[in-house]
């Protein structure tokens, strides 16, 4: 099992750095490590926006692009931005070592 570091930055600026298992989603890494603000109500089944995050500058283009369903669900997220993604759709891999995502102030 290989691990990749992911940094979660809360809306108040506090940070939590976690070692995420490669192949898991960023949402699962957040849930496993008790990252506040990632609610993941649907458990990653792509039916809600409660795992919404903002991908930090320089990282968005390193991710696989969002699919049509993700894009449509992001429309119902609170305060979506161009760098918004659903963390359930970001798969952890070694190329994302040091990935930084910002957690919104609220999910709904």
N, C-alpha and C. Protein backbone atom coordinates (compact mmCIF):
# COMPACT_ATOMS: atom_id res chain seq x y z
N UNK A 1 0.86 -1.18 0.00
CA UNK A 1 0.00 0.00 0.00
C UNK A 1 0.90 1.24 0.00
N UNK A 2 0.63 2.12 -0.94
CA UNK A 2 1.39 3.37 -0.97
C UNK A 2 0.49 4.52 -0.53
N UNK A 3 1.12 5.52 0.04
CA UNK A 3 0.40 6.66 0.59
C UNK A 3 0.83 7.95 -0.09
N UNK A 4 -0.10 8.85 -0.21
CA UNK A 4 0.14 10.17 -0.80
C UNK A 4 -0.39 11.21 0.17
N UNK A 5 0.37 12.25 0.41
CA UNK A 5 -0.01 13.31 1.34
C UNK A 5 -1.02 14.26 0.68
N UNK A 6 -2.09 14.54 1.40
CA UNK A 6 -3.10 15.51 0.96
C UNK A 6 -3.28 16.52 2.09
N UNK A 7 -3.29 17.81 1.73
CA UNK A 7 -3.49 18.88 2.71
C UNK A 7 -4.89 19.44 2.57
N UNK A 8 -5.63 19.44 3.66
CA UNK A 8 -6.97 20.03 3.71
C UNK A 8 -6.86 21.34 4.46
N UNK A 9 -7.30 22.41 3.85
CA UNK A 9 -7.28 23.72 4.49
C UNK A 9 -8.72 24.14 4.76
N UNK A 10 -9.02 24.37 6.02
CA UNK A 10 -10.36 24.78 6.41
C UNK A 10 -10.58 26.26 6.08
N UNK A 11 -11.83 26.67 6.07
CA UNK A 11 -12.17 28.06 5.73
C UNK A 11 -11.52 29.06 6.69
N UNK A 12 -11.18 28.61 7.91
CA UNK A 12 -10.53 29.52 8.87
C UNK A 12 -9.01 29.52 8.75
N UNK A 13 -8.48 28.77 7.77
CA UNK A 13 -7.05 28.74 7.53
C UNK A 13 -6.32 27.60 8.22
N UNK A 14 -6.99 26.90 9.13
CA UNK A 14 -6.33 25.76 9.77
C UNK A 14 -6.13 24.63 8.76
N UNK A 15 -5.10 23.84 9.00
CA UNK A 15 -4.74 22.78 8.06
C UNK A 15 -4.74 21.43 8.75
N UNK A 16 -5.04 20.41 7.96
CA UNK A 16 -4.88 19.03 8.39
C UNK A 16 -4.22 18.29 7.25
N UNK A 17 -3.08 17.69 7.52
CA UNK A 17 -2.35 16.92 6.53
C UNK A 17 -2.59 15.45 6.81
N UNK A 18 -3.01 14.71 5.77
CA UNK A 18 -3.29 13.29 5.95
C UNK A 18 -2.50 12.47 4.95
N UNK A 19 -2.23 11.25 5.31
CA UNK A 19 -1.64 10.28 4.40
C UNK A 19 -2.80 9.47 3.82
N UNK A 20 -3.06 9.69 2.53
CA UNK A 20 -4.18 9.03 1.87
C UNK A 20 -3.67 7.79 1.13
N UNK A 21 -4.48 6.76 1.11
CA UNK A 21 -4.13 5.53 0.42
C UNK A 21 -4.34 5.73 -1.09
N UNK A 22 -3.31 5.45 -1.86
CA UNK A 22 -3.42 5.56 -3.31
C UNK A 22 -4.54 4.63 -3.80
N UNK A 23 -5.38 5.17 -4.68
CA UNK A 23 -6.52 4.44 -5.19
C UNK A 23 -7.81 4.80 -4.49
N UNK A 24 -7.73 5.35 -3.28
CA UNK A 24 -8.91 5.84 -2.58
C UNK A 24 -9.25 7.24 -3.09
N UNK A 25 -10.43 7.69 -2.78
CA UNK A 25 -10.80 9.06 -3.12
C UNK A 25 -10.32 10.01 -2.03
N UNK A 26 -10.22 11.27 -2.39
CA UNK A 26 -9.89 12.31 -1.41
C UNK A 26 -10.98 12.35 -0.34
N UNK A 27 -12.22 12.11 -0.73
CA UNK A 27 -13.33 12.07 0.24
C UNK A 27 -13.11 10.97 1.27
N UNK A 28 -12.72 9.79 0.83
CA UNK A 28 -12.48 8.68 1.76
C UNK A 28 -11.32 9.02 2.70
N UNK A 29 -10.28 9.64 2.15
CA UNK A 29 -9.15 10.06 2.99
C UNK A 29 -9.62 11.05 4.06
N UNK A 30 -10.50 11.97 3.67
CA UNK A 30 -11.03 12.94 4.63
C UNK A 30 -11.86 12.25 5.70
N UNK A 31 -12.73 11.35 5.28
CA UNK A 31 -13.60 10.64 6.23
C UNK A 31 -12.78 9.78 7.18
N UNK A 32 -11.82 9.06 6.65
CA UNK A 32 -10.98 8.16 7.45
C UNK A 32 -10.17 8.92 8.50
N UNK A 33 -9.81 10.16 8.16
CA UNK A 33 -8.95 10.96 9.03
C UNK A 33 -9.69 12.06 9.76
N UNK A 34 -11.01 11.97 9.82
CA UNK A 34 -11.85 12.91 10.55
C UNK A 34 -11.62 14.37 10.16
N UNK A 35 -11.50 14.62 8.87
CA UNK A 35 -11.38 16.00 8.39
C UNK A 35 -12.76 16.64 8.50
N UNK A 36 -12.83 17.73 9.23
CA UNK A 36 -14.10 18.45 9.41
C UNK A 36 -14.53 19.11 8.10
N UNK A 37 -15.85 19.16 7.89
CA UNK A 37 -16.39 19.88 6.74
C UNK A 37 -16.61 19.04 5.50
N UNK A 38 -16.10 17.82 5.48
CA UNK A 38 -16.37 16.90 4.37
C UNK A 38 -17.41 15.92 4.90
N UNK A 39 -18.68 16.18 4.58
CA UNK A 39 -19.77 15.41 5.16
C UNK A 39 -19.97 14.07 4.47
N UNK A 40 -19.83 14.05 3.16
CA UNK A 40 -19.93 12.81 2.38
C UNK A 40 -21.22 12.05 2.65
N UNK A 41 -22.33 12.75 2.64
CA UNK A 41 -23.62 12.14 2.96
C UNK A 41 -23.97 10.95 2.07
N UNK A 42 -23.61 10.99 0.80
CA UNK A 42 -23.97 9.88 -0.10
C UNK A 42 -22.89 8.82 -0.17
N UNK A 43 -21.82 9.00 0.58
CA UNK A 43 -20.77 7.99 0.63
C UNK A 43 -19.97 7.84 -0.65
N UNK A 44 -20.03 8.83 -1.49
CA UNK A 44 -19.25 8.78 -2.73
C UNK A 44 -20.01 8.22 -3.92
N UNK A 45 -21.32 8.17 -3.83
CA UNK A 45 -22.10 7.61 -4.94
C UNK A 45 -22.49 8.66 -5.97
N UNK A 46 -21.95 9.85 -5.85
CA UNK A 46 -22.14 10.92 -6.83
C UNK A 46 -23.60 11.36 -6.93
N UNK A 47 -24.23 11.53 -5.75
CA UNK A 47 -25.62 11.98 -5.74
C UNK A 47 -25.85 13.21 -4.88
N UNK A 48 -24.78 13.76 -4.30
CA UNK A 48 -24.93 14.98 -3.49
C UNK A 48 -23.67 15.82 -3.67
N UNK A 49 -23.61 16.94 -3.01
CA UNK A 49 -22.44 17.81 -3.12
C UNK A 49 -21.82 18.06 -1.76
N UNK A 50 -21.98 17.14 -0.82
CA UNK A 50 -21.50 17.37 0.54
C UNK A 50 -20.03 17.00 0.74
N UNK A 51 -19.34 16.70 -0.35
CA UNK A 51 -17.89 16.49 -0.27
C UNK A 51 -17.18 17.51 -1.16
N UNK A 52 -17.87 18.58 -1.45
CA UNK A 52 -17.36 19.67 -2.29
C UNK A 52 -16.09 20.27 -1.69
N UNK A 53 -15.09 20.48 -2.53
CA UNK A 53 -13.85 21.14 -2.13
C UNK A 53 -13.43 22.09 -3.25
N UNK A 54 -12.54 23.01 -2.89
CA UNK A 54 -11.89 23.89 -3.85
C UNK A 54 -10.46 23.39 -4.01
N UNK A 55 -10.07 23.09 -5.22
CA UNK A 55 -8.72 22.61 -5.49
C UNK A 55 -7.79 23.81 -5.59
N UNK A 56 -6.70 23.79 -4.86
CA UNK A 56 -5.77 24.92 -4.80
C UNK A 56 -5.09 25.16 -6.14
N UNK A 57 -4.65 26.41 -6.32
CA UNK A 57 -3.94 26.80 -7.54
C UNK A 57 -2.82 25.84 -7.86
N UNK A 58 -2.69 25.51 -9.13
CA UNK A 58 -1.62 24.63 -9.59
C UNK A 58 -1.96 23.16 -9.54
N UNK A 59 -3.06 22.79 -8.91
CA UNK A 59 -3.43 21.39 -8.77
C UNK A 59 -4.58 20.97 -9.68
N UNK A 60 -5.47 21.89 -10.00
CA UNK A 60 -6.68 21.53 -10.74
C UNK A 60 -6.35 20.83 -12.05
N UNK A 61 -5.40 21.34 -12.80
CA UNK A 61 -5.07 20.77 -14.10
C UNK A 61 -4.36 19.42 -13.99
N UNK A 62 -3.92 19.05 -12.80
CA UNK A 62 -3.27 17.75 -12.60
C UNK A 62 -4.29 16.64 -12.35
N UNK A 63 -5.55 17.03 -12.16
CA UNK A 63 -6.61 16.07 -11.90
C UNK A 63 -7.26 15.62 -13.20
N UNK A 64 -7.84 14.42 -13.18
CA UNK A 64 -8.67 14.01 -14.31
C UNK A 64 -9.83 15.00 -14.37
N UNK A 65 -10.28 15.35 -15.57
CA UNK A 65 -11.38 16.32 -15.65
C UNK A 65 -12.68 15.77 -15.08
N UNK A 66 -13.54 16.66 -14.58
CA UNK A 66 -14.82 16.20 -14.05
C UNK A 66 -15.71 15.67 -15.17
N UNK A 67 -16.51 14.67 -14.84
CA UNK A 67 -17.48 14.15 -15.79
C UNK A 67 -18.75 14.98 -15.78
N UNK A 68 -19.66 14.67 -16.68
CA UNK A 68 -20.91 15.43 -16.80
C UNK A 68 -21.74 15.38 -15.52
N UNK A 69 -21.81 14.21 -14.89
CA UNK A 69 -22.62 14.09 -13.67
C UNK A 69 -22.01 14.94 -12.56
N UNK A 70 -20.70 14.87 -12.41
CA UNK A 70 -20.06 15.70 -11.38
C UNK A 70 -20.32 17.17 -11.64
N UNK A 71 -20.18 17.60 -12.88
CA UNK A 71 -20.42 19.01 -13.20
C UNK A 71 -21.85 19.42 -12.86
N UNK A 72 -22.81 18.56 -13.13
CA UNK A 72 -24.21 18.92 -12.83
C UNK A 72 -24.45 18.97 -11.33
N UNK A 73 -23.81 18.08 -10.56
CA UNK A 73 -23.97 18.10 -9.11
C UNK A 73 -23.28 19.32 -8.50
N UNK A 74 -22.17 19.72 -9.07
CA UNK A 74 -21.49 20.92 -8.55
C UNK A 74 -22.35 22.17 -8.67
N UNK A 75 -23.30 22.16 -9.59
CA UNK A 75 -24.21 23.29 -9.74
C UNK A 75 -25.07 23.50 -8.50
N UNK A 76 -25.29 22.44 -7.71
CA UNK A 76 -26.11 22.58 -6.50
C UNK A 76 -25.25 22.78 -5.25
N UNK A 77 -23.93 22.77 -5.41
CA UNK A 77 -23.03 23.00 -4.27
C UNK A 77 -23.17 24.44 -3.79
N UNK A 78 -22.88 24.66 -2.53
CA UNK A 78 -22.87 26.01 -1.98
C UNK A 78 -21.64 26.74 -2.52
N UNK A 79 -21.85 27.88 -3.14
CA UNK A 79 -20.78 28.73 -3.64
C UNK A 79 -19.76 28.01 -4.54
N UNK A 80 -20.23 27.37 -5.62
CA UNK A 80 -19.28 26.72 -6.52
C UNK A 80 -18.39 27.75 -7.21
N UNK A 81 -17.15 27.37 -7.42
CA UNK A 81 -16.14 28.21 -8.07
C UNK A 81 -15.53 27.43 -9.22
N UNK A 82 -14.78 28.08 -10.10
CA UNK A 82 -14.14 27.34 -11.20
C UNK A 82 -13.25 26.19 -10.72
N UNK A 83 -12.69 26.31 -9.51
CA UNK A 83 -11.80 25.27 -9.00
C UNK A 83 -12.53 24.25 -8.12
N UNK A 84 -13.86 24.26 -8.15
CA UNK A 84 -14.65 23.32 -7.36
C UNK A 84 -14.58 21.91 -7.93
N UNK A 85 -14.52 20.95 -7.02
CA UNK A 85 -14.61 19.53 -7.39
C UNK A 85 -15.31 18.80 -6.26
N UNK A 86 -15.84 17.63 -6.58
CA UNK A 86 -16.35 16.74 -5.55
C UNK A 86 -15.19 15.84 -5.15
N UNK A 87 -14.87 15.83 -3.87
CA UNK A 87 -13.69 15.07 -3.44
C UNK A 87 -13.87 13.57 -3.63
N UNK A 88 -15.10 13.10 -3.78
CA UNK A 88 -15.32 11.67 -4.05
C UNK A 88 -14.86 11.29 -5.45
N UNK A 89 -14.67 12.28 -6.29
CA UNK A 89 -14.26 12.01 -7.67
C UNK A 89 -12.77 12.26 -7.92
N UNK A 90 -12.05 12.65 -6.90
CA UNK A 90 -10.60 12.84 -7.02
C UNK A 90 -9.93 11.60 -6.45
N UNK A 91 -9.29 10.84 -7.32
CA UNK A 91 -8.63 9.60 -6.90
C UNK A 91 -7.18 9.90 -6.56
N UNK A 92 -6.78 9.46 -5.39
CA UNK A 92 -5.42 9.69 -4.89
C UNK A 92 -4.44 8.81 -5.68
N UNK A 93 -3.36 9.45 -6.11
CA UNK A 93 -2.29 8.72 -6.81
C UNK A 93 -0.98 9.44 -6.54
N UNK A 94 0.14 8.77 -6.73
CA UNK A 94 1.44 9.37 -6.39
C UNK A 94 1.70 10.72 -7.05
N UNK A 95 1.17 10.93 -8.24
CA UNK A 95 1.38 12.20 -8.94
C UNK A 95 0.74 13.38 -8.22
N UNK A 96 -0.14 13.07 -7.27
CA UNK A 96 -0.83 14.13 -6.51
C UNK A 96 -0.21 14.36 -5.14
N UNK A 97 1.01 13.88 -4.94
CA UNK A 97 1.71 14.09 -3.66
C UNK A 97 1.70 15.58 -3.30
N UNK A 98 1.16 15.89 -2.12
CA UNK A 98 1.09 17.26 -1.66
C UNK A 98 -0.15 18.02 -2.11
N UNK A 99 -1.10 17.33 -2.74
CA UNK A 99 -2.35 17.97 -3.19
C UNK A 99 -2.93 18.82 -2.08
N UNK A 100 -3.38 20.02 -2.44
CA UNK A 100 -4.00 20.94 -1.49
C UNK A 100 -5.43 21.21 -1.91
N UNK A 101 -6.36 20.97 -1.00
CA UNK A 101 -7.77 21.31 -1.24
C UNK A 101 -8.28 22.15 -0.08
N UNK A 102 -9.14 23.09 -0.42
CA UNK A 102 -9.75 23.95 0.59
C UNK A 102 -11.17 23.46 0.85
N UNK A 103 -11.54 23.38 2.10
CA UNK A 103 -12.87 22.94 2.50
C UNK A 103 -13.76 24.18 2.60
N UNK A 104 -14.93 24.15 1.95
CA UNK A 104 -15.83 25.31 2.04
C UNK A 104 -16.33 25.54 3.48
N UNK A 105 -16.78 26.74 3.72
CA UNK A 105 -17.30 27.09 5.05
C UNK A 105 -18.52 26.23 5.38
N UNK A 106 -19.32 25.92 4.37
CA UNK A 106 -20.50 25.06 4.58
C UNK A 106 -20.75 24.23 3.34
N UNK A 107 -21.43 23.11 3.51
CA UNK A 107 -21.72 22.21 2.40
C UNK A 107 -23.18 22.34 1.93
N UNK A 108 -24.05 22.86 2.76
CA UNK A 108 -25.44 23.10 2.35
C UNK A 108 -26.08 24.13 3.23
